[in-house]
């Protein structure tokens, strides 16, 4: 696993959120296997995952110095969805950034 820089991490999170929301926009960062893994999340959990990741994106973009809140939000998402490979990757990158 290669750790991502801040902008690539945000871009990948955005694409995961779009995949969860069934956006038709073509992915530029996620691989076909990553998309399949994300789509494999239980339907009732997809909205919850998208919400968790959206919270992280907002913090990373608008309040990057709030490292405590970023760590807390990352940990919640990791506890709930760390088993999903592309989610694990971005959460590990966030951990390295804060």
PDB file of N, CA and C in Angstrom:
ATOM      1  N   UNK A   1       0.830  -1.184   0.000  1.00  0.00           N
ATOM      2  CA  UNK A   1       0.000   0.000   0.000  1.00  0.00           C
ATOM      3  C   UNK A   1       0.872   1.243   0.000  1.00  0.00           C
ATOM      4  N   UNK A   2       0.592   2.144  -0.908  1.00  0.00           N
ATOM      5  CA  UNK A   2       1.334   3.396  -1.009  1.00  0.00           C
ATOM      6  C   UNK A   2       0.511   4.500  -0.341  1.00  0.00           C
ATOM      7  N   UNK A   3       1.145   5.226   0.593  1.00  0.00           N
ATOM      8  CA  UNK A   3       0.454   6.344   1.234  1.00  0.00           C
ATOM      9  C   UNK A   3       0.278   7.472   0.220  1.00  0.00           C
ATOM     10  N   UNK A   4      -0.859   8.134   0.308  1.00  0.00           N
ATOM     11  CA  UNK A   4      -1.204   9.186  -0.643  1.00  0.00           C
ATOM     12  C   UNK A   4      -0.983  10.554  -0.022  1.00  0.00           C
ATOM     13  N   UNK A   5      -0.715  11.541  -0.870  1.00  0.00           N
ATOM     14  CA  UNK A   5      -0.610  12.913  -0.368  1.00  0.00           C
ATOM     15  C   UNK A   5      -2.022  13.440  -0.085  1.00  0.00           C
ATOM     16  N   UNK A   6      -2.093  14.604   0.516  1.00  0.00           N
ATOM     17  CA  UNK A   6      -3.367  15.166   0.968  1.00  0.00           C
ATOM     18  C   UNK A   6      -4.377  15.320  -0.174  1.00  0.00           C
ATOM     19  N   UNK A   7      -3.954  15.916  -1.275  1.00  0.00           N
ATOM     20  CA  UNK A   7      -4.877  16.164  -2.392  1.00  0.00           C
ATOM     21  C   UNK A   7      -5.355  14.858  -3.030  1.00  0.00           C
ATOM     22  N   UNK A   8      -4.467  13.905  -3.207  1.00  0.00           N
ATOM     23  CA  UNK A   8      -4.852  12.614  -3.791  1.00  0.00           C
ATOM     24  C   UNK A   8      -5.777  11.863  -2.843  1.00  0.00           C
ATOM     25  N   UNK A   9      -5.524  11.959  -1.554  1.00  0.00           N
ATOM     26  CA  UNK A   9      -6.394  11.327  -0.559  1.00  0.00           C
ATOM     27  C   UNK A   9      -7.799  11.899  -0.661  1.00  0.00           C
ATOM     28  N   UNK A  10      -7.907  13.218  -0.725  1.00  0.00           N
ATOM     29  CA  UNK A  10      -9.219  13.871  -0.841  1.00  0.00           C
ATOM     30  C   UNK A  10      -9.904  13.462  -2.140  1.00  0.00           C
ATOM     31  N   UNK A  11      -9.144  13.424  -3.217  1.00  0.00           N
ATOM     32  CA  UNK A  11      -9.716  13.039  -4.508  1.00  0.00           C
ATOM     33  C   UNK A  11     -10.235  11.597  -4.460  1.00  0.00           C
ATOM     34  N   UNK A  12      -9.472  10.709  -3.835  1.00  0.00           N
ATOM     35  CA  UNK A  12      -9.896   9.312  -3.755  1.00  0.00           C
ATOM     36  C   UNK A  12     -11.139   9.173  -2.873  1.00  0.00           C
ATOM     37  N   UNK A  13     -11.193   9.923  -1.769  1.00  0.00           N
ATOM     38  CA  UNK A  13     -12.382   9.897  -0.922  1.00  0.00           C
ATOM     39  C   UNK A  13     -13.593  10.403  -1.712  1.00  0.00           C
ATOM     40  N   UNK A  14     -13.420  11.484  -2.468  1.00  0.00           N
ATOM     41  CA  UNK A  14     -14.511  12.009  -3.293  1.00  0.00           C
ATOM     42  C   UNK A  14     -15.029  10.939  -4.262  1.00  0.00           C
ATOM     43  N   UNK A  15     -14.123  10.192  -4.860  1.00  0.00           N
ATOM     44  CA  UNK A  15     -14.530   9.157  -5.815  1.00  0.00           C
ATOM     45  C   UNK A  15     -15.219   7.990  -5.113  1.00  0.00           C
ATOM     46  N   UNK A  16     -14.783   7.662  -3.905  1.00  0.00           N
ATOM     47  CA  UNK A  16     -15.475   6.614  -3.140  1.00  0.00           C
ATOM     48  C   UNK A  16     -16.901   7.066  -2.845  1.00  0.00           C
ATOM     49  N   UNK A  17     -17.053   8.321  -2.431  1.00  0.00           N
ATOM     50  CA  UNK A  17     -18.387   8.864  -2.145  1.00  0.00           C
ATOM     51  C   UNK A  17     -19.250   8.829  -3.403  1.00  0.00           C
ATOM     52  N   UNK A  18     -18.688   9.228  -4.540  1.00  0.00           N
ATOM     53  CA  UNK A  18     -19.450   9.196  -5.808  1.00  0.00           C
ATOM     54  C   UNK A  18     -19.844   7.768  -6.163  1.00  0.00           C
ATOM     55  N   UNK A  19     -18.953   6.821  -5.930  1.00  0.00           N
ATOM     56  CA  UNK A  19     -19.267   5.418  -6.208  1.00  0.00           C
ATOM     57  C   UNK A  19     -20.421   4.956  -5.316  1.00  0.00           C
ATOM     58  N   UNK A  20     -20.383   5.326  -4.054  1.00  0.00           N
ATOM     59  CA  UNK A  20     -21.446   4.946  -3.119  1.00  0.00           C
ATOM     60  C   UNK A  20     -22.780   5.587  -3.485  1.00  0.00           C
ATOM     61  N   UNK A  21     -22.725   6.790  -4.065  1.00  0.00           N
ATOM     62  CA  UNK A  21     -23.963   7.487  -4.424  1.00  0.00           C
ATOM     63  C   UNK A  21     -24.404   7.169  -5.849  1.00  0.00           C
ATOM     64  N   UNK A  22     -23.741   6.210  -6.454  1.00  0.00           N
ATOM     65  CA  UNK A  22     -24.101   5.723  -7.803  1.00  0.00           C
ATOM     66  C   UNK A  22     -23.955   6.782  -8.883  1.00  0.00           C
ATOM     67  N   UNK A  23     -22.987   7.678  -8.706  1.00  0.00           N
ATOM     68  CA  UNK A  23     -22.729   8.717  -9.693  1.00  0.00           C
ATOM     69  C   UNK A  23     -22.284   8.081 -11.008  1.00  0.00           C
ATOM     70  N   UNK A  24     -22.672   8.701 -12.090  1.00  0.00           N
ATOM     71  CA  UNK A  24     -22.293   8.197 -13.423  1.00  0.00           C
ATOM     72  C   UNK A  24     -20.915   8.704 -13.858  1.00  0.00           C
ATOM     73  N   UNK A  25     -20.368   9.652 -13.096  1.00  0.00           N
ATOM     74  CA  UNK A  25     -19.071  10.218 -13.463  1.00  0.00           C
ATOM     75  C   UNK A  25     -17.990   9.138 -13.401  1.00  0.00           C
ATOM     76  N   UNK A  26     -17.182   9.071 -14.427  1.00  0.00           N
ATOM     77  CA  UNK A  26     -16.126   8.068 -14.537  1.00  0.00           C
ATOM     78  C   UNK A  26     -15.040   8.299 -13.489  1.00  0.00           C
ATOM     79  N   UNK A  27     -14.627   7.227 -12.855  1.00  0.00           N
ATOM     80  CA  UNK A  27     -13.570   7.298 -11.851  1.00  0.00           C
ATOM     81  C   UNK A  27     -12.214   7.470 -12.519  1.00  0.00           C
ATOM     82  N   UNK A  28     -11.367   8.330 -11.934  1.00  0.00           N
ATOM     83  CA  UNK A  28     -10.029   8.529 -12.485  1.00  0.00           C
ATOM     84  C   UNK A  28      -8.954   7.996 -11.549  1.00  0.00           C
ATOM     85  N   UNK A  29      -9.316   7.759 -10.280  1.00  0.00           N
ATOM     86  CA  UNK A  29      -8.331   7.323  -9.295  1.00  0.00           C
ATOM     87  C   UNK A  29      -8.571   5.884  -8.854  1.00  0.00           C
ATOM     88  N   UNK A  30      -9.827   5.494  -8.737  1.00  0.00           N
ATOM     89  CA  UNK A  30     -10.158   4.152  -8.260  1.00  0.00           C
ATOM     90  C   UNK A  30     -10.008   3.115  -9.367  1.00  0.00           C
ATOM     91  N   UNK A  31      -9.499   1.952  -9.008  1.00  0.00           N
ATOM     92  CA  UNK A  31      -9.398   0.845  -9.960  1.00  0.00           C
ATOM     93  C   UNK A  31     -10.730   0.102 -10.007  1.00  0.00           C
ATOM     94  N   UNK A  32     -10.892  -0.749 -10.995  1.00  0.00           N
ATOM     95  CA  UNK A  32     -12.119  -1.541 -11.106  1.00  0.00           C
ATOM     96  C   UNK A  32     -12.318  -2.417  -9.874  1.00  0.00           C
ATOM     97  N   UNK A  33     -11.242  -2.996  -9.348  1.00  0.00           N
ATOM     98  CA  UNK A  33     -11.338  -3.829  -8.144  1.00  0.00           C
ATOM     99  C   UNK A  33     -11.758  -3.002  -6.929  1.00  0.00           C
ATOM    100  N   UNK A  34     -11.245  -1.770  -6.822  1.00  0.00           N
ATOM    101  CA  UNK A  34     -11.627  -0.900  -5.710  1.00  0.00           C
ATOM    102  C   UNK A  34     -13.104  -0.530  -5.800  1.00  0.00           C
ATOM    103  N   UNK A  35     -13.567  -0.233  -6.993  1.00  0.00           N
ATOM    104  CA  UNK A  35     -14.980   0.101  -7.194  1.00  0.00           C
ATOM    105  C   UNK A  35     -15.854  -1.081  -6.809  1.00  0.00           C
ATOM    106  N   UNK A  36     -15.465  -2.265  -7.228  1.00  0.00           N
ATOM    107  CA  UNK A  36     -16.221  -3.471  -6.891  1.00  0.00           C
ATOM    108  C   UNK A  36     -16.264  -3.683  -5.377  1.00  0.00           C
ATOM    109  N   UNK A  37     -15.147  -3.447  -4.712  1.00  0.00           N
ATOM    110  CA  UNK A  37     -15.064  -3.592  -3.263  1.00  0.00           C
ATOM    111  C   UNK A  37     -15.997  -2.602  -2.562  1.00  0.00           C
ATOM    112  N   UNK A  38     -16.031  -1.373  -3.044  1.00  0.00           N
ATOM    113  CA  UNK A  38     -16.900  -0.341  -2.468  1.00  0.00           C
ATOM    114  C   UNK A  38     -18.367  -0.696  -2.700  1.00  0.00           C
ATOM    115  N   UNK A  39     -18.670  -1.163  -3.891  1.00  0.00           N
ATOM    116  CA  UNK A  39     -20.056  -1.531  -4.202  1.00  0.00           C
ATOM    117  C   UNK A  39     -20.504  -2.757  -3.409  1.00  0.00           C
ATOM    118  N   UNK A  40     -19.543  -3.505  -2.868  1.00  0.00           N
ATOM    119  CA  UNK A  40     -19.853  -4.681  -2.068  1.00  0.00           C
ATOM    120  C   UNK A  40     -20.269  -4.363  -0.640  1.00  0.00           C
ATOM    121  N   UNK A  41     -20.154  -3.109  -0.232  1.00  0.00           N
ATOM    122  CA  UNK A  41     -20.599  -2.703   1.103  1.00  0.00           C
ATOM    123  C   UNK A  41     -22.113  -2.871   1.163  1.00  0.00           C
ATOM    124  N   UNK A  42     -22.611  -3.400   2.283  1.00  0.00           N
ATOM    125  CA  UNK A  42     -24.058  -3.579   2.455  1.00  0.00           C
ATOM    126  C   UNK A  42     -24.802  -2.298   2.102  1.00  0.00           C
ATOM    127  N   UNK A  43     -25.911  -2.451   1.416  1.00  0.00           N
ATOM    128  CA  UNK A  43     -26.692  -1.288   0.964  1.00  0.00           C
ATOM    129  C   UNK A  43     -27.025  -0.340   2.119  1.00  0.00           C
ATOM    130  N   UNK A  44     -27.426  -0.908   3.267  1.00  0.00           N
ATOM    131  CA  UNK A  44     -27.805  -0.051   4.390  1.00  0.00           C
ATOM    132  C   UNK A  44     -26.603   0.661   5.008  1.00  0.00           C
ATOM    133  N   UNK A  45     -25.395   0.164   4.758  1.00  0.00           N
ATOM    134  CA  UNK A  45     -24.186   0.800   5.288  1.00  0.00           C
ATOM    135  C   UNK A  45     -23.555   1.804   4.327  1.00  0.00           C
ATOM    136  N   UNK A  46     -23.962   1.792   3.073  1.00  0.00           N
ATOM    137  CA  UNK A  46     -23.342   2.676   2.087  1.00  0.00           C
ATOM    138  C   UNK A  46     -23.543   4.151   2.421  1.00  0.00           C
ATOM    139  N   UNK A  47     -24.735   4.520   2.837  1.00  0.00           N
ATOM    140  CA  UNK A  47     -25.006   5.916   3.198  1.00  0.00           C
ATOM    141  C   UNK A  47     -24.179   6.322   4.418  1.00  0.00           C
ATOM    142  N   UNK A  48     -24.088   5.435   5.383  1.00  0.00           N
ATOM    143  CA  UNK A  48     -23.307   5.694   6.596  1.00  0.00           C
ATOM    144  C   UNK A  48     -21.837   5.906   6.248  1.00  0.00           C
ATOM    145  N   UNK A  49     -21.299   5.058   5.374  1.00  0.00           N
ATOM    146  CA  UNK A  49     -19.909   5.195   4.943  1.00  0.00           C
ATOM    147  C   UNK A  49     -19.711   6.507   4.201  1.00  0.00           C
ATOM    148  N   UNK A  50     -20.616   6.837   3.299  1.00  0.00           N
ATOM    149  CA  UNK A  50     -20.513   8.101   2.552  1.00  0.00           C
ATOM    150  C   UNK A  50     -20.530   9.289   3.508  1.00  0.00           C
ATOM    151  N   UNK A  51     -21.387   9.236   4.534  1.00  0.00           N
ATOM    152  CA  UNK A  51     -21.451  10.321   5.520  1.00  0.00           C
ATOM    153  C   UNK A  51     -20.130  10.450   6.284  1.00  0.00           C
ATOM    154  N   UNK A  52     -19.572   9.325   6.722  1.00  0.00           N
ATOM    155  CA  UNK A  52     -18.303   9.348   7.459  1.00  0.00           C
ATOM    156  C   UNK A  52     -17.188   9.963   6.598  1.00  0.00           C
ATOM    157  N   UNK A  53     -17.140   9.537   5.354  1.00  0.00           N
ATOM    158  CA  UNK A  53     -16.085  10.036   4.459  1.00  0.00           C
ATOM    159  C   UNK A  53     -16.304  11.511   4.125  1.00  0.00           C
ATOM    160  N   UNK A  54     -17.556  11.915   3.979  1.00  0.00           N
ATOM    161  CA  UNK A  54     -17.855  13.328   3.720  1.00  0.00           C
ATOM    162  C   UNK A  54     -17.392  14.193   4.887  1.00  0.00           C
ATOM    163  N   UNK A  55     -17.623  13.708   6.113  1.00  0.00           N
ATOM    164  CA  UNK A  55     -17.148  14.433   7.300  1.00  0.00           C
ATOM    165  C   UNK A  55     -15.629  14.610   7.243  1.00  0.00           C
ATOM    166  N   UNK A  56     -14.935  13.564   6.845  1.00  0.00           N
ATOM    167  CA  UNK A  56     -13.473  13.639   6.755  1.00  0.00           C
ATOM    168  C   UNK A  56     -13.017  14.625   5.682  1.00  0.00           C
ATOM    169  N   UNK A  57     -13.663  14.604   4.532  1.00  0.00           N
ATOM    170  CA  UNK A  57     -13.298  15.516   3.441  1.00  0.00           C
ATOM    171  C   UNK A  57     -13.489  16.959   3.881  1.00  0.00           C
ATOM    172  N   UNK A  58     -14.614  17.241   4.537  1.00  0.00           N
ATOM    173  CA  UNK A  58     -14.873  18.600   5.010  1.00  0.00           C
ATOM    174  C   UNK A  58     -13.770  19.033   5.975  1.00  0.00           C
ATOM    175  N   UNK A  59     -13.420  18.177   6.911  1.00  0.00           N
ATOM    176  CA  UNK A  59     -12.356  18.519   7.859  1.00  0.00           C
ATOM    177  C   UNK A  59     -11.014  18.719   7.154  1.00  0.00           C
ATOM    178  N   UNK A  60     -10.680  17.827   6.244  1.00  0.00           N
ATOM    179  CA  UNK A  60      -9.393  17.931   5.547  1.00  0.00           C
ATOM    180  C   UNK A  60      -9.306  19.191   4.688  1.00  0.00           C
ATOM    181  N   UNK A  61     -10.431  19.588   4.084  1.00  0.00           N
ATOM    182  CA  UNK A  61     -10.440  20.780   3.225  1.00  0.00           C
ATOM    183  C   UNK A  61     -10.555  22.071   4.031  1.00  0.00           C
ATOM    184  N   UNK A  62     -11.503  22.091   4.975  1.00  0.00           N
ATOM    185  CA  UNK A  62     -11.871  23.345   5.628  1.00  0.00           C
ATOM    186  C   UNK A  62     -11.201  23.576   6.979  1.00  0.00           C
ATOM    187  N   UNK A  63     -10.743  22.506   7.617  1.00  0.00           N
ATOM    188  CA  UNK A  63     -10.173  22.644   8.958  1.00  0.00           C
ATOM    189  C   UNK A  63      -8.998  21.667   9.137  1.00  0.00           C
ATOM    190  N   UNK A  64      -8.016  21.742   8.241  1.00  0.00           N
ATOM    191  CA  UNK A  64      -6.917  20.755   8.282  1.00  0.00           C
ATOM    192  C   UNK A  64      -6.076  20.814   9.551  1.00  0.00           C
ATOM    193  N   UNK A  65      -6.159  21.909  10.287  1.00  0.00           N
ATOM    194  CA  UNK A  65      -5.384  22.012  11.527  1.00  0.00           C
ATOM    195  C   UNK A  65      -6.096  21.372  12.721  1.00  0.00           C
ATOM    196  N   UNK A  66      -7.337  20.961  12.541  1.00  0.00           N
ATOM    197  CA  UNK A  66      -8.087  20.322  13.620  1.00  0.00           C
ATOM    198  C   UNK A  66      -7.762  18.821  13.634  1.00  0.00           C
ATOM    199  N   UNK A  67      -6.509  18.538  13.955  1.00  0.00           N
ATOM    200  CA  UNK A  67      -6.012  17.171  13.880  1.00  0.00           C
ATOM    201  C   UNK A  67      -6.738  16.224  14.827  1.00  0.00           C
ATOM    202  N   UNK A  68      -7.135  16.725  15.985  1.00  0.00           N
ATOM    203  CA  UNK A  68      -7.845  15.883  16.952  1.00  0.00           C
ATOM    204  C   UNK A  68      -9.170  15.388  16.368  1.00  0.00           C
ATOM    205  N   UNK A  69      -9.944  16.296  15.791  1.00  0.00           N
ATOM    206  CA  UNK A  69     -11.239  15.925  15.207  1.00  0.00           C
ATOM    207  C   UNK A  69     -11.042  15.020  13.987  1.00  0.00           C
ATOM    208  N   UNK A  70     -10.020  15.280  13.192  1.00  0.00           N
ATOM    209  CA  UNK A  70      -9.734  14.428  12.031  1.00  0.00           C
ATOM    210  C   UNK A  70      -9.403  13.018  12.508  1.00  0.00           C
ATOM    211  N   UNK A  71      -8.552  12.909  13.536  1.00  0.00           N
ATOM    212  CA  UNK A  71      -8.188  11.588  14.071  1.00  0.00           C
ATOM    213  C   UNK A  71      -9.399  10.847  14.616  1.00  0.00           C
ATOM    214  N   UNK A  72     -10.256  11.560  15.356  1.00  0.00           N
ATOM    215  CA  UNK A  72     -11.458  10.934  15.925  1.00  0.00           C
ATOM    216  C   UNK A  72     -12.391  10.429  14.825  1.00  0.00           C
ATOM    217  N   UNK A  73     -12.639  11.256  13.834  1.00  0.00           N
ATOM    218  CA  UNK A  73     -13.535  10.888  12.733  1.00  0.00           C
ATOM    219  C   UNK A  73     -12.941   9.748  11.918  1.00  0.00           C
ATOM    220  N   UNK A  74     -11.636   9.800  11.692  1.00  0.00           N
ATOM    221  CA  UNK A  74     -10.952   8.726  10.972  1.00  0.00           C
ATOM    222  C   UNK A  74     -11.074   7.413  11.725  1.00  0.00           C
ATOM    223  N   UNK A  75     -10.919   7.460  13.035  1.00  0.00           N
ATOM    224  CA  UNK A  75     -10.978   6.235  13.840  1.00  0.00           C
ATOM    225  C   UNK A  75     -12.374   5.608  13.811  1.00  0.00           C
ATOM    226  N   UNK A  76     -13.398   6.435  13.867  1.00  0.00           N
ATOM    227  CA  UNK A  76     -14.770   5.918  13.782  1.00  0.00           C
ATOM    228  C   UNK A  76     -14.978   5.230  12.438  1.00  0.00           C
ATOM    229  N   UNK A  77     -14.578   5.891  11.364  1.00  0.00           N
ATOM    230  CA  UNK A  77     -14.718   5.300  10.030  1.00  0.00           C
ATOM    231  C   UNK A  77     -13.898   4.019   9.915  1.00  0.00           C
ATOM    232  N   UNK A  78     -12.706   4.021  10.499  1.00  0.00           N
ATOM    233  CA  UNK A  78     -11.842   2.841  10.435  1.00  0.00           C
ATOM    234  C   UNK A  78     -12.472   1.673  11.194  1.00  0.00           C
ATOM    235  N   UNK A  79     -13.018   1.943  12.375  1.00  0.00           N
ATOM    236  CA  UNK A  79     -13.652   0.881  13.166  1.00  0.00           C
ATOM    237  C   UNK A  79     -14.837   0.262  12.430  1.00  0.00           C
ATOM    238  N   UNK A  80     -15.579   1.091  11.718  1.00  0.00           N
ATOM    239  CA  UNK A  80     -16.783   0.617  11.026  1.00  0.00           C
ATOM    240  C   UNK A  80     -16.499   0.045   9.638  1.00  0.00           C
ATOM    241  N   UNK A  81     -15.551   0.633   8.916  1.00  0.00           N
ATOM    242  CA  UNK A  81     -15.373   0.265   7.505  1.00  0.00           C
ATOM    243  C   UNK A  81     -13.921  -0.011   7.107  1.00  0.00           C
ATOM    244  N   UNK A  82     -13.046  -0.199   8.066  1.00  0.00           N
ATOM    245  CA  UNK A  82     -11.642  -0.459   7.763  1.00  0.00           C
ATOM    246  C   UNK A  82     -11.408  -1.752   7.011  1.00  0.00           C
ATOM    247  N   UNK A  83     -12.408  -2.634   7.009  1.00  0.00           N
ATOM    248  CA  UNK A  83     -12.283  -3.910   6.301  1.00  0.00           C
ATOM    249  C   UNK A  83     -12.450  -3.762   4.786  1.00  0.00           C
ATOM    250  N   UNK A  84     -12.909  -2.600   4.337  1.00  0.00           N
ATOM    251  CA  UNK A  84     -13.080  -2.345   2.897  1.00  0.00           C
ATOM    252  C   UNK A  84     -11.767  -1.765   2.377  1.00  0.00           C
ATOM    253  N   UNK A  85     -11.107  -2.487   1.507  1.00  0.00           N
ATOM    254  CA  UNK A  85      -9.737  -2.172   1.086  1.00  0.00           C
ATOM    255  C   UNK A  85      -9.490  -0.715   0.688  1.00  0.00           C
ATOM    256  N   UNK A  86     -10.251  -0.134  -0.256  1.00  0.00           N
ATOM    257  CA  UNK A  86      -9.960   1.257  -0.637  1.00  0.00           C
ATOM    258  C   UNK A  86     -10.212   2.249   0.501  1.00  0.00           C
ATOM    259  N   UNK A  87     -11.154   1.923   1.369  1.00  0.00           N
ATOM    260  CA  UNK A  87     -11.416   2.781   2.528  1.00  0.00           C
ATOM    261  C   UNK A  87     -10.232   2.691   3.482  1.00  0.00           C
ATOM    262  N   UNK A  88      -9.750   1.477   3.703  1.00  0.00           N
ATOM    263  CA  UNK A  88      -8.579   1.269   4.561  1.00  0.00           C
ATOM    264  C   UNK A  88      -7.399   2.091   4.031  1.00  0.00           C
ATOM    265  N   UNK A  89      -7.193   2.055   2.726  1.00  0.00           N
ATOM    266  CA  UNK A  89      -6.073   2.792   2.116  1.00  0.00           C
ATOM    267  C   UNK A  89      -6.146   4.289   2.397  1.00  0.00           C
ATOM    268  N   UNK A  90      -7.318   4.896   2.180  1.00  0.00           N
ATOM    269  CA  UNK A  90      -7.412   6.346   2.396  1.00  0.00           C
ATOM    270  C   UNK A  90      -7.336   6.686   3.881  1.00  0.00           C
ATOM    271  N   UNK A  91      -7.872   5.831   4.720  1.00  0.00           N
ATOM    272  CA  UNK A  91      -7.809   6.099   6.161  1.00  0.00           C
ATOM    273  C   UNK A  91      -6.383   5.990   6.679  1.00  0.00           C
ATOM    274  N   UNK A  92      -5.613   5.074   6.137  1.00  0.00           N
ATOM    275  CA  UNK A  92      -4.199   4.964   6.508  1.00  0.00           C
ATOM    276  C   UNK A  92      -3.424   6.192   6.019  1.00  0.00           C
ATOM    277  N   UNK A  93      -3.765   6.688   4.854  1.00  0.00           N
ATOM    278  CA  UNK A  93      -3.119   7.905   4.345  1.00  0.00           C
ATOM    279  C   UNK A  93      -3.463   9.098   5.217  1.00  0.00           C
ATOM    280  N   UNK A  94      -4.722   9.184   5.656  1.00  0.00           N
ATOM    281  CA  UNK A  94      -5.102  10.283   6.564  1.00  0.00           C
ATOM    282  C   UNK A  94      -4.325  10.170   7.864  1.00  0.00           C
ATOM    283  N   UNK A  95      -4.193   8.960   8.382  1.00  0.00           N
ATOM    284  CA  UNK A  95      -3.438   8.750   9.617  1.00  0.00           C
ATOM    285  C   UNK A  95      -2.013   9.270   9.472  1.00  0.00           C
ATOM    286  N   UNK A  96      -1.404   9.053   8.339  1.00  0.00           N
ATOM    287  CA  UNK A  96      -0.029   9.532   8.109  1.00  0.00           C
ATOM    288  C   UNK A  96       0.024  11.051   7.927  1.00  0.00           C
ATOM    289  N   UNK A  97      -1.072  11.656   7.493  1.00  0.00           N
ATOM    290  CA  UNK A  97      -1.090  13.096   7.255  1.00  0.00           C
ATOM    291  C   UNK A  97      -1.272  13.909   8.537  1.00  0.00           C
ATOM    292  N   UNK A  98      -1.916  13.321   9.547  1.00  0.00           N
ATOM    293  CA  UNK A  98      -2.207  14.094  10.769  1.00  0.00           C
ATOM    294  C   UNK A  98      -1.319  13.722  11.926  1.00  0.00           C
TER     295      UNK A  98
END
